[in-house]
Structure formats: structure tokens, C-alpha cells
Amino acid sequence: MIALLFAAMVATNPVVSEPQTLSECIWSRLPAGDRSQVLTAYGRGMNSGMNALNHHDLKVMAAAPTCAARADVPAMWVRSAVAAHVIQTGASASVLSEKGLDRARLDAAWDAAPLEARNCTLANAAKVFGIDGPACTDRRAPRAFAESLGLTHSIRADRKAAEQTMIYMNAKAQEQIALTLIARMPPARQ
């Protein structure tokens, strides 16, 4: 029941931004039923959501060349960007249902956070790509994201929303890295 409510909430609160990122483009090209199924699975847990997304990998990869306007983007970068987008969508829906904080508030928390919080999150997300991210001197710095939203891990009522906020921020960093790597690719050879 909760998973169905979660999927309905996500469907009624679409994320729209201009211009559309590669991840948003690919995600939007999946049939609505597939997107709903993935987000419903995310409502049961991030691993469930990622397993559901993996079942649609052929569709994800088929949309990539059109959305990227090139066919040579490494599959790992495409999959990472789309997975990060899906995780952000699911995590933000969870935070919205738990605490009434929408995705715009999460993005504002990212923008307003101390540089050290963003750097530590980017450093962690960079590991997925086998690269070094920015220096992180205080591993607890990313707590600033949840704290700026009035959430703390030590308060039981905030715990899930605080955890989903941290998951959202890590996915945001991962998507930024993937999209940056893709944007910095040399022009495709004709």
C-alpha cells in the first residue's frame, strides 16, 4: 500500500527543468508504466528500485544515443547518470512524504551547504567512476545537508528523511560527475 502511494505521489510531482539533462531525457523516454514500476520498487528500498531499473537496461541504453546526440558514450556513464536521476527522484519523494520537503528544498540545501559538504559528497560519488574527487577533510561535513533542512539522524522521527536526504545528495553528486564526464568527451569522429 505504501509503495502504491509512493508511486502515485511521484507521478503527481514530476520534476521538470530546462534544459533537460541526458538522464532526464533517457528517463522520460521509458514508458510511463516502466517508470512507475521502478519508482514503486524504489518505495520498497533503493536496491529494489535499482534492480527494477536494471530490468529496463536495454530501453535505457537504446535511448542514450538520441538523448546524448552521439552513440559513443560509455555505457557505465549512461547507467550511472540514469540510476542517479532515479535515486534522486525516489529519495526526494520519500523526503516529501516523510517531512513535506520537496526536491527544490533538497536542491537548495545542496546549493547552500558548505563547500566541504559538497566536496566530501563528490569525493564519495567519484569512487563509482574510479576517479578521485575533491579532497574531503571532514567525513561528517555532509551532515550539513540534513541539518540545514532541520533533520537529524539522532531524532527517530527524522531518521528516514535524513538518510534519504544523504542518499539524494550522493546521487546528485554522482549524476553531476557522470554528466560532466560525458560533456567533456572529445567530439565523436565522423
N, C-alpha and C. Protein backbone atom coordinates (compact mmCIF):
# COMPACT_ATOMS: atom_id res chain seq x y z
N MET A 1 0.82 -1.19 0.00
CA MET A 1 0.00 0.00 0.00
C MET A 1 0.86 1.26 0.00
N ILE A 2 1.89 1.27 0.86
CA ILE A 2 2.77 2.43 0.92
C ILE A 2 3.48 2.61 -0.42
N ALA A 3 3.89 1.51 -1.03
CA ALA A 3 4.58 1.59 -2.32
C ALA A 3 3.67 2.20 -3.38
N LEU A 4 2.38 1.87 -3.36
CA LEU A 4 1.45 2.44 -4.33
C LEU A 4 1.25 3.94 -4.10
N LEU A 5 1.13 4.33 -2.84
CA LEU A 5 1.02 5.76 -2.52
C LEU A 5 2.27 6.50 -2.95
N PHE A 6 3.42 5.89 -2.71
CA PHE A 6 4.70 6.47 -3.09
C PHE A 6 4.75 6.72 -4.60
N ALA A 7 4.37 5.71 -5.39
CA ALA A 7 4.39 5.83 -6.85
C ALA A 7 3.40 6.90 -7.32
N ALA A 8 2.24 6.95 -6.70
CA ALA A 8 1.23 7.96 -7.08
C ALA A 8 1.74 9.36 -6.77
N MET A 9 2.42 9.52 -5.64
CA MET A 9 2.95 10.82 -5.27
C MET A 9 4.02 11.26 -6.27
N VAL A 10 4.90 10.35 -6.65
CA VAL A 10 5.95 10.68 -7.61
C VAL A 10 5.34 11.05 -8.94
N ALA A 11 4.32 10.34 -9.36
CA ALA A 11 3.68 10.61 -10.64
C ALA A 11 3.01 11.97 -10.66
N THR A 12 2.49 12.42 -9.52
CA THR A 12 1.81 13.71 -9.47
C THR A 12 2.76 14.86 -9.18
N ASN A 13 4.01 14.57 -8.88
CA ASN A 13 5.00 15.60 -8.61
C ASN A 13 6.19 15.44 -9.56
N PRO A 14 5.96 15.57 -10.87
CA PRO A 14 7.06 15.36 -11.81
C PRO A 14 8.12 16.44 -11.64
N VAL A 15 9.32 16.07 -12.00
CA VAL A 15 10.43 17.01 -11.95
C VAL A 15 10.63 17.56 -13.35
N VAL A 16 10.54 18.87 -13.46
CA VAL A 16 10.70 19.50 -14.76
C VAL A 16 11.79 20.54 -14.63
N SER A 17 12.73 20.51 -15.54
CA SER A 17 13.76 21.54 -15.55
C SER A 17 14.16 21.80 -16.99
N GLU A 18 14.65 22.97 -17.24
CA GLU A 18 15.12 23.33 -18.57
C GLU A 18 16.56 23.72 -18.45
N PRO A 19 17.45 23.35 -19.31
CA PRO A 19 17.22 22.32 -20.31
C PRO A 19 17.24 20.93 -19.69
N GLN A 20 16.68 20.00 -20.38
CA GLN A 20 16.60 18.63 -19.89
C GLN A 20 17.99 17.99 -19.94
N THR A 21 18.38 17.35 -18.85
CA THR A 21 19.66 16.66 -18.83
C THR A 21 19.56 15.34 -19.59
N LEU A 22 20.71 14.76 -19.87
CA LEU A 22 20.76 13.45 -20.52
C LEU A 22 19.95 12.44 -19.71
N SER A 23 20.15 12.43 -18.40
CA SER A 23 19.44 11.46 -17.56
C SER A 23 17.93 11.67 -17.61
N GLU A 24 17.50 12.92 -17.55
CA GLU A 24 16.07 13.21 -17.64
C GLU A 24 15.51 12.79 -18.99
N CYS A 25 16.26 13.04 -20.04
CA CYS A 25 15.82 12.66 -21.39
C CYS A 25 15.63 11.15 -21.49
N ILE A 26 16.63 10.41 -21.04
CA ILE A 26 16.54 8.95 -21.11
C ILE A 26 15.38 8.45 -20.25
N TRP A 27 15.28 8.95 -19.03
CA TRP A 27 14.22 8.54 -18.12
C TRP A 27 12.85 8.83 -18.73
N SER A 28 12.70 9.99 -19.36
CA SER A 28 11.40 10.36 -19.93
C SER A 28 11.03 9.49 -21.13
N ARG A 29 12.00 8.86 -21.75
CA ARG A 29 11.74 8.01 -22.92
C ARG A 29 11.31 6.59 -22.53
N LEU A 30 11.47 6.24 -21.27
CA LEU A 30 10.94 4.95 -20.83
C LEU A 30 9.42 5.07 -20.74
N PRO A 31 8.70 4.02 -21.08
CA PRO A 31 7.24 4.08 -20.95
C PRO A 31 6.82 4.41 -19.51
N ALA A 32 5.73 5.13 -19.38
CA ALA A 32 5.25 5.55 -18.06
C ALA A 32 5.09 4.37 -17.11
N GLY A 33 4.61 3.26 -17.62
CA GLY A 33 4.44 2.08 -16.78
C GLY A 33 5.76 1.56 -16.24
N ASP A 34 6.80 1.62 -17.06
CA ASP A 34 8.13 1.19 -16.61
C ASP A 34 8.66 2.13 -15.53
N ARG A 35 8.49 3.44 -15.75
CA ARG A 35 8.94 4.41 -14.74
C ARG A 35 8.20 4.21 -13.43
N SER A 36 6.91 4.01 -13.52
CA SER A 36 6.11 3.78 -12.32
C SER A 36 6.55 2.53 -11.58
N GLN A 37 6.83 1.47 -12.33
CA GLN A 37 7.26 0.21 -11.74
C GLN A 37 8.59 0.40 -11.00
N VAL A 38 9.52 1.13 -11.60
CA VAL A 38 10.83 1.38 -10.98
C VAL A 38 10.65 2.20 -9.70
N LEU A 39 9.85 3.25 -9.77
CA LEU A 39 9.67 4.10 -8.59
C LEU A 39 8.87 3.40 -7.49
N THR A 40 7.94 2.55 -7.86
CA THR A 40 7.23 1.76 -6.86
C THR A 40 8.22 0.83 -6.16
N ALA A 41 9.10 0.23 -6.93
CA ALA A 41 10.13 -0.63 -6.35
C ALA A 41 11.05 0.18 -5.45
N TYR A 42 11.40 1.41 -5.86
CA TYR A 42 12.24 2.26 -5.01
C TYR A 42 11.56 2.53 -3.67
N GLY A 43 10.24 2.65 -3.71
CA GLY A 43 9.49 2.87 -2.46
C GLY A 43 9.69 1.74 -1.46
N ARG A 44 10.07 0.55 -1.94
CA ARG A 44 10.37 -0.58 -1.06
C ARG A 44 11.83 -0.57 -0.62
N GLY A 45 12.64 0.24 -1.29
CA GLY A 45 14.05 0.34 -0.95
C GLY A 45 14.86 0.66 -2.19
N MET A 46 15.99 1.34 -1.99
CA MET A 46 16.82 1.76 -3.11
C MET A 46 17.30 0.56 -3.93
N ASN A 47 17.71 -0.51 -3.26
CA ASN A 47 18.17 -1.69 -4.00
C ASN A 47 17.07 -2.28 -4.88
N SER A 48 15.85 -2.30 -4.37
CA SER A 48 14.72 -2.78 -5.17
C SER A 48 14.52 -1.90 -6.40
N GLY A 49 14.62 -0.60 -6.19
CA GLY A 49 14.47 0.33 -7.31
C GLY A 49 15.55 0.14 -8.37
N MET A 50 16.78 -0.05 -7.92
CA MET A 50 17.88 -0.23 -8.88
C MET A 50 17.76 -1.58 -9.60
N ASN A 51 17.31 -2.60 -8.89
CA ASN A 51 17.07 -3.89 -9.56
C ASN A 51 15.99 -3.76 -10.61
N ALA A 52 14.93 -3.02 -10.29
CA ALA A 52 13.85 -2.80 -11.26
C ALA A 52 14.37 -2.01 -12.46
N LEU A 53 15.20 -0.99 -12.22
CA LEU A 53 15.76 -0.21 -13.31
C LEU A 53 16.63 -1.09 -14.21
N ASN A 54 17.39 -1.99 -13.61
CA ASN A 54 18.25 -2.89 -14.39
C ASN A 54 17.45 -3.74 -15.37
N HIS A 55 16.21 -4.05 -15.04
CA HIS A 55 15.37 -4.83 -15.94
C HIS A 55 15.01 -4.05 -17.22
N HIS A 56 15.22 -2.75 -17.18
CA HIS A 56 14.89 -1.90 -18.33
C HIS A 56 16.16 -1.38 -19.00
N ASP A 57 17.28 -2.04 -18.74
CA ASP A 57 18.56 -1.58 -19.24
C ASP A 57 18.60 -1.46 -20.76
N LEU A 58 18.00 -2.39 -21.48
CA LEU A 58 18.02 -2.31 -22.94
C LEU A 58 17.32 -1.04 -23.43
N LYS A 59 16.22 -0.68 -22.77
CA LYS A 59 15.50 0.54 -23.15
C LYS A 59 16.31 1.78 -22.79
N VAL A 60 16.95 1.74 -21.63
CA VAL A 60 17.80 2.87 -21.21
C VAL A 60 18.90 3.08 -22.24
N MET A 61 19.59 2.02 -22.56
CA MET A 61 20.73 2.13 -23.48
C MET A 61 20.27 2.46 -24.90
N ALA A 62 19.07 2.04 -25.28
CA ALA A 62 18.56 2.36 -26.61
C ALA A 62 18.25 3.86 -26.73
N ALA A 63 17.84 4.49 -25.65
CA ALA A 63 17.52 5.92 -25.67
C ALA A 63 18.76 6.81 -25.60
N ALA A 64 19.86 6.26 -25.12
CA ALA A 64 21.06 7.07 -24.87
C ALA A 64 21.61 7.79 -26.11
N PRO A 65 21.77 7.11 -27.24
CA PRO A 65 22.35 7.83 -28.39
C PRO A 65 21.52 9.03 -28.85
N THR A 66 20.22 8.90 -28.82
CA THR A 66 19.35 10.01 -29.21
C THR A 66 19.46 11.15 -28.21
N CYS A 67 19.39 10.82 -26.93
CA CYS A 67 19.44 11.85 -25.89
C CYS A 67 20.81 12.51 -25.79
N ALA A 68 21.86 11.75 -26.03
CA ALA A 68 23.23 12.29 -25.96
C ALA A 68 23.67 12.92 -27.27
N ALA A 69 22.91 12.67 -28.33
CA ALA A 69 23.27 13.14 -29.67
C ALA A 69 24.61 12.56 -30.11
N ARG A 70 24.92 11.38 -29.60
CA ARG A 70 26.12 10.65 -30.01
C ARG A 70 25.98 9.22 -29.51
N ALA A 71 26.64 8.29 -30.18
CA ALA A 71 26.48 6.87 -29.86
C ALA A 71 27.66 6.29 -29.08
N ASP A 72 28.65 7.10 -28.76
CA ASP A 72 29.87 6.57 -28.16
C ASP A 72 30.03 6.86 -26.66
N VAL A 73 28.96 7.22 -25.99
CA VAL A 73 29.05 7.48 -24.55
C VAL A 73 29.21 6.14 -23.83
N PRO A 74 30.22 6.04 -22.96
CA PRO A 74 30.40 4.78 -22.25
C PRO A 74 29.14 4.36 -21.49
N ALA A 75 28.79 3.10 -21.62
CA ALA A 75 27.56 2.59 -21.00
C ALA A 75 27.55 2.82 -19.49
N MET A 76 28.69 2.68 -18.85
CA MET A 76 28.74 2.87 -17.40
C MET A 76 28.36 4.30 -17.00
N TRP A 77 28.76 5.27 -17.81
CA TRP A 77 28.41 6.66 -17.51
C TRP A 77 26.91 6.88 -17.71
N VAL A 78 26.36 6.31 -18.78
CA VAL A 78 24.92 6.44 -19.03
C VAL A 78 24.15 5.80 -17.88
N ARG A 79 24.48 4.57 -17.56
CA ARG A 79 23.76 3.86 -16.48
C ARG A 79 23.89 4.60 -15.15
N SER A 80 25.07 5.12 -14.86
CA SER A 80 25.28 5.85 -13.61
C SER A 80 24.44 7.12 -13.55
N ALA A 81 24.41 7.85 -14.65
CA ALA A 81 23.62 9.09 -14.69
C ALA A 81 22.13 8.81 -14.51
N VAL A 82 21.63 7.81 -15.22
CA VAL A 82 20.19 7.49 -15.13
C VAL A 82 19.86 6.93 -13.74
N ALA A 83 20.68 6.04 -13.23
CA ALA A 83 20.44 5.49 -11.89
C ALA A 83 20.44 6.61 -10.85
N ALA A 84 21.39 7.54 -10.97
CA ALA A 84 21.44 8.66 -10.02
C ALA A 84 20.19 9.52 -10.13
N HIS A 85 19.71 9.73 -11.34
CA HIS A 85 18.48 10.51 -11.53
C HIS A 85 17.29 9.80 -10.86
N VAL A 86 17.21 8.50 -11.05
CA VAL A 86 16.12 7.72 -10.46
C VAL A 86 16.22 7.75 -8.94
N ILE A 87 17.41 7.60 -8.41
CA ILE A 87 17.59 7.63 -6.95
C ILE A 87 17.18 8.99 -6.41
N GLN A 88 17.54 10.07 -7.09
CA GLN A 88 17.11 11.40 -6.64
C GLN A 88 15.59 11.53 -6.65
N THR A 89 14.97 11.00 -7.70
CA THR A 89 13.51 11.07 -7.80
C THR A 89 12.86 10.29 -6.65
N GLY A 90 13.37 9.09 -6.41
CA GLY A 90 12.81 8.27 -5.33
C GLY A 90 13.09 8.84 -3.95
N ALA A 91 14.33 9.27 -3.72
CA ALA A 91 14.69 9.80 -2.41
C ALA A 91 13.93 11.09 -2.11
N SER A 92 13.79 11.95 -3.12
CA SER A 92 13.06 13.20 -2.88
C SER A 92 11.59 12.94 -2.60
N ALA A 93 11.01 11.94 -3.26
CA ALA A 93 9.61 11.58 -2.97
C ALA A 93 9.48 11.06 -1.55
N SER A 94 10.47 10.32 -1.09
CA SER A 94 10.45 9.80 0.27
C SER A 94 10.54 10.94 1.29
N VAL A 95 11.45 11.88 1.05
CA VAL A 95 11.60 13.02 1.97
C VAL A 95 10.32 13.87 1.96
N LEU A 96 9.72 14.03 0.79
CA LEU A 96 8.47 14.77 0.70
C LEU A 96 7.37 14.10 1.51
N SER A 97 7.25 12.78 1.38
CA SER A 97 6.19 12.08 2.12
C SER A 97 6.47 12.03 3.62
N GLU A 98 7.74 11.97 4.00
CA GLU A 98 8.09 11.90 5.43
C GLU A 98 8.01 13.25 6.13
N LYS A 99 8.52 14.30 5.46
CA LYS A 99 8.68 15.59 6.13
C LYS A 99 8.13 16.78 5.37
N GLY A 100 7.54 16.54 4.19
CA GLY A 100 6.98 17.65 3.42
C GLY A 100 8.02 18.54 2.75
N LEU A 101 9.25 18.05 2.62
CA LEU A 101 10.31 18.82 1.99
C LEU A 101 10.45 18.36 0.54
N ASP A 102 10.24 19.27 -0.41
CA ASP A 102 10.25 18.88 -1.82
C ASP A 102 11.65 18.90 -2.41
N ARG A 103 11.73 18.48 -3.66
CA ARG A 103 13.03 18.38 -4.33
C ARG A 103 13.71 19.74 -4.45
N ALA A 104 12.94 20.78 -4.64
CA ALA A 104 13.53 22.12 -4.72
C ALA A 104 14.24 22.48 -3.42
N ARG A 105 13.66 22.08 -2.29
CA ARG A 105 14.31 22.34 -0.99
C ARG A 105 15.60 21.53 -0.85
N LEU A 106 15.59 20.29 -1.36
CA LEU A 106 16.81 19.48 -1.32
C LEU A 106 17.89 20.11 -2.19
N ASP A 107 17.51 20.57 -3.38
CA ASP A 107 18.48 21.22 -4.25
C ASP A 107 19.01 22.51 -3.64
N ALA A 108 18.13 23.25 -2.98
CA ALA A 108 18.57 24.48 -2.31
C ALA A 108 19.54 24.16 -1.17
N ALA A 109 19.30 23.04 -0.47
CA ALA A 109 20.21 22.63 0.60
C ALA A 109 21.58 22.29 0.03
N TRP A 110 21.62 21.66 -1.15
CA TRP A 110 22.89 21.38 -1.81
C TRP A 110 23.62 22.69 -2.11
N ASP A 111 22.89 23.63 -2.72
CA ASP A 111 23.49 24.90 -3.12
C ASP A 111 23.99 25.71 -1.94
N ALA A 112 23.26 25.65 -0.82
CA ALA A 112 23.60 26.46 0.34
C ALA A 112 24.59 25.79 1.29
N ALA A 113 24.86 24.53 1.09
CA ALA A 113 25.73 23.79 2.01
C ALA A 113 27.16 24.30 1.92
N PRO A 114 27.90 24.12 3.01
CA PRO A 114 29.31 24.48 2.96
C PRO A 114 30.04 23.69 1.87
N LEU A 115 31.04 24.28 1.28
CA LEU A 115 31.80 23.64 0.22
C LEU A 115 32.33 22.28 0.66
N GLU A 116 32.75 22.16 1.90
CA GLU A 116 33.28 20.89 2.41
C GLU A 116 32.23 19.78 2.33
N ALA A 117 30.97 20.10 2.58
CA ALA A 117 29.90 19.09 2.49
C ALA A 117 29.76 18.59 1.06
N ARG A 118 29.75 19.53 0.12
CA ARG A 118 29.65 19.14 -1.30
C ARG A 118 30.90 18.39 -1.74
N ASN A 119 32.08 18.86 -1.33
CA ASN A 119 33.32 18.19 -1.73
C ASN A 119 33.39 16.76 -1.22
N CYS A 120 32.99 16.54 0.03
CA CYS A 120 33.01 15.18 0.58
C CYS A 120 32.01 14.28 -0.15
N THR A 121 30.88 14.82 -0.49
CA THR A 121 29.87 14.05 -1.21
C THR A 121 30.36 13.73 -2.62
N LEU A 122 30.96 14.70 -3.28
CA LEU A 122 31.52 14.47 -4.61
C LEU A 122 32.66 13.45 -4.56
N ALA A 123 33.48 13.53 -3.51
CA ALA A 123 34.59 12.57 -3.36
C ALA A 123 34.06 11.15 -3.22
N ASN A 124 33.01 10.99 -2.46
CA ASN A 124 32.40 9.67 -2.29
C ASN A 124 31.79 9.18 -3.61
N ALA A 125 31.07 10.05 -4.29
CA ALA A 125 30.42 9.68 -5.55
C ALA A 125 31.44 9.37 -6.64
N ALA A 126 32.58 10.01 -6.60
CA ALA A 126 33.61 9.80 -7.63
C ALA A 126 34.15 8.38 -7.62
N LYS A 127 34.06 7.71 -6.49
CA LYS A 127 34.57 6.34 -6.36
C LYS A 127 33.89 5.40 -7.36
N VAL A 128 32.62 5.66 -7.66
CA VAL A 128 31.87 4.83 -8.61
C VAL A 128 32.57 4.82 -9.97
N PHE A 129 33.20 5.93 -10.30
CA PHE A 129 33.83 6.10 -11.61
C PHE A 129 35.33 5.76 -11.60
N GLY A 130 35.83 5.37 -10.44
CA GLY A 130 37.24 5.03 -10.33
C GLY A 130 38.14 6.24 -10.45
N ILE A 131 37.63 7.40 -10.07
CA ILE A 131 38.42 8.64 -10.13
C ILE A 131 38.48 9.27 -8.75
N ASP A 132 39.40 10.18 -8.59
CA ASP A 132 39.50 10.92 -7.34
C ASP A 132 38.62 12.15 -7.43
N GLY A 133 37.85 12.37 -6.40
CA GLY A 133 37.04 13.58 -6.32
C GLY A 133 37.80 14.63 -5.55
N PRO A 134 37.14 15.69 -5.16
CA PRO A 134 37.79 16.73 -4.36
C PRO A 134 38.25 16.17 -3.02
N ALA A 135 39.16 16.87 -2.40
CA ALA A 135 39.64 16.46 -1.08
C ALA A 135 38.51 16.59 -0.05
N CYS A 136 38.44 15.62 0.83
CA CYS A 136 37.45 15.62 1.91
C CYS A 136 38.21 15.50 3.23
N THR A 137 38.19 16.57 4.01
CA THR A 137 38.94 16.55 5.26
C THR A 137 38.06 16.26 6.47
N ASP A 138 36.75 16.33 6.31
CA ASP A 138 35.83 16.07 7.43
C ASP A 138 34.68 15.21 6.92
N ARG A 139 34.78 13.91 7.14
CA ARG A 139 33.77 12.97 6.62
C ARG A 139 32.38 13.24 7.18
N ARG A 140 32.27 14.00 8.25
CA ARG A 140 30.96 14.32 8.81
C ARG A 140 30.35 15.58 8.20
N ALA A 141 31.10 16.26 7.35
CA ALA A 141 30.63 17.51 6.74
C ALA A 141 29.29 17.36 6.00
N PRO A 142 29.05 16.23 5.29
CA PRO A 142 27.77 16.12 4.58
C PRO A 142 26.53 16.13 5.49
N ARG A 143 26.70 15.97 6.77
CA ARG A 143 25.55 16.09 7.68
C ARG A 143 24.90 17.47 7.57
N ALA A 144 25.66 18.43 7.06
CA ALA A 144 25.13 19.79 6.92
C ALA A 144 23.90 19.83 6.03
N PHE A 145 23.81 18.92 5.06
CA PHE A 145 22.63 18.92 4.18
C PHE A 145 21.36 18.68 4.99
N ALA A 146 21.34 17.59 5.74
CA ALA A 146 20.15 17.26 6.53
C ALA A 146 19.91 18.30 7.62
N GLU A 147 20.98 18.72 8.26
CA GLU A 147 20.84 19.71 9.35
C GLU A 147 20.25 21.02 8.83
N SER A 148 20.62 21.42 7.61
CA SER A 148 20.08 22.67 7.07
C SER A 148 18.58 22.57 6.80
N LEU A 149 18.10 21.34 6.70
CA LEU A 149 16.67 21.10 6.50
C LEU A 149 15.94 20.83 7.81
N GLY A 150 16.68 20.93 8.91
CA GLY A 150 16.09 20.67 10.22
C GLY A 150 15.97 19.20 10.56
N LEU A 151 16.75 18.36 9.89
CA LEU A 151 16.70 16.91 10.11
C LEU A 151 17.96 16.45 10.82
N THR A 152 17.80 15.46 11.69
CA THR A 152 18.96 14.89 12.35
C THR A 152 18.79 13.39 12.49
N HIS A 153 19.89 12.65 12.35
CA HIS A 153 19.85 11.19 12.48
C HIS A 153 19.52 10.76 13.90
N SER A 154 19.80 11.61 14.87
CA SER A 154 19.61 11.21 16.27
C SER A 154 18.15 11.28 16.70
N ILE A 155 17.31 11.94 15.94
CA ILE A 155 15.88 12.01 16.27
C ILE A 155 15.18 10.96 15.43
N ARG A 156 14.55 10.02 16.10
CA ARG A 156 13.92 8.88 15.43
C ARG A 156 12.95 9.30 14.32
N ALA A 157 12.16 10.33 14.57
CA ALA A 157 11.17 10.78 13.59
C ALA A 157 11.81 11.37 12.34
N ASP A 158 13.07 11.79 12.44
CA ASP A 158 13.78 12.39 11.30
C ASP A 158 14.66 11.39 10.56
N ARG A 159 14.92 10.25 11.17
CA ARG A 159 15.96 9.35 10.67
C ARG A 159 15.79 8.96 9.20
N LYS A 160 14.60 8.52 8.81
CA LYS A 160 14.41 8.09 7.42
C LYS A 160 14.61 9.26 6.46
N ALA A 161 14.03 10.40 6.76
CA ALA A 161 14.18 11.55 5.88
C ALA A 161 15.63 12.02 5.83
N ALA A 162 16.33 11.97 6.94
CA ALA A 162 17.75 12.35 6.97
C ALA A 162 18.57 11.39 6.11
N GLU A 163 18.29 10.10 6.22
CA GLU A 163 19.01 9.10 5.41
C GLU A 163 18.71 9.30 3.93
N GLN A 164 17.45 9.52 3.59
CA GLN A 164 17.09 9.73 2.18
C GLN A 164 17.68 11.04 1.66
N THR A 165 17.83 12.04 2.51
CA THR A 165 18.49 13.28 2.11
C THR A 165 19.94 13.01 1.74
N MET A 166 20.62 12.22 2.54
CA MET A 166 22.02 11.89 2.26
C MET A 166 22.12 11.06 0.97
N ILE A 167 21.19 10.15 0.78
CA ILE A 167 21.17 9.35 -0.45
C ILE A 167 20.93 10.26 -1.66
N TYR A 168 20.01 11.20 -1.51
CA TYR A 168 19.72 12.15 -2.58
C TYR A 168 20.97 12.94 -2.96
N MET A 169 21.67 13.45 -1.95
CA MET A 169 22.86 14.27 -2.21
C MET A 169 23.96 13.45 -2.88
N ASN A 170 24.16 12.23 -2.44
CA ASN A 170 25.17 11.39 -3.07
C ASN A 170 24.80 11.11 -4.53
N ALA A 171 23.51 10.84 -4.78
CA ALA A 171 23.06 10.61 -6.16
C ALA A 171 23.20 11.87 -7.00
N LYS A 172 22.92 13.01 -6.41
CA LYS A 172 23.09 14.28 -7.13
C LYS A 172 24.54 14.46 -7.55
N ALA A 173 25.45 14.17 -6.63
CA ALA A 173 26.88 14.27 -6.94
C ALA A 173 27.27 13.28 -8.03
N GLN A 174 26.76 12.06 -7.93
CA GLN A 174 27.07 11.04 -8.93
C GLN A 174 26.57 11.45 -10.31
N GLU A 175 25.36 11.99 -10.36
CA GLU A 175 24.84 12.43 -11.66
C GLU A 175 25.67 13.58 -12.20
N GLN A 176 26.06 14.52 -11.34
CA GLN A 176 26.88 15.64 -11.80
C GLN A 176 28.20 15.15 -12.39
N ILE A 177 28.81 14.19 -11.73
CA ILE A 177 30.08 13.66 -12.23
C ILE A 177 29.87 12.97 -13.57
N ALA A 178 28.86 12.12 -13.66
CA ALA A 178 28.60 11.40 -14.92
C ALA A 178 28.34 12.39 -16.05
N LEU A 179 27.51 13.38 -15.81
CA LEU A 179 27.18 14.34 -16.85
C LEU A 179 28.39 15.19 -17.23
N THR A 180 29.25 15.48 -16.26
CA THR A 180 30.48 16.23 -16.55
C THR A 180 31.42 15.40 -17.40
N LEU A 181 31.58 14.13 -17.05
CA LEU A 181 32.44 13.25 -17.85
C LEU A 181 31.93 13.17 -19.29
N ILE A 182 30.62 13.05 -19.44
CA ILE A 182 30.02 12.94 -20.77
C ILE A 182 30.22 14.26 -21.54
N ALA A 183 29.99 15.38 -20.88
CA ALA A 183 30.12 16.68 -21.53
C ALA A 183 31.57 16.96 -21.97
N ARG A 184 32.52 16.37 -21.27
CA ARG A 184 33.94 16.61 -21.58
C ARG A 184 34.50 15.61 -22.59
N MET A 185 33.66 14.73 -23.08
CA MET A 185 34.13 13.78 -24.09
C MET A 185 34.55 14.54 -25.35
N PRO A 186 35.62 14.11 -25.98
CA PRO A 186 36.00 14.77 -27.24
C PRO A 186 34.90 14.53 -28.28
N PRO A 187 34.82 15.42 -29.27
CA PRO A 187 33.80 15.23 -30.30
C PRO A 187 33.91 13.85 -30.93
N ALA A 188 32.78 13.29 -31.28
CA ALA A 188 32.74 11.97 -31.93
C ALA A 188 33.36 12.08 -33.31
N ARG A 189 34.08 11.06 -33.67
CA ARG A 189 34.68 11.02 -35.00
C ARG A 189 33.61 10.66 -36.02
N GLN A 190 33.64 11.32 -37.12
CA GLN A 190 32.64 11.07 -38.17
C GLN A 190 33.11 10.00 -39.11
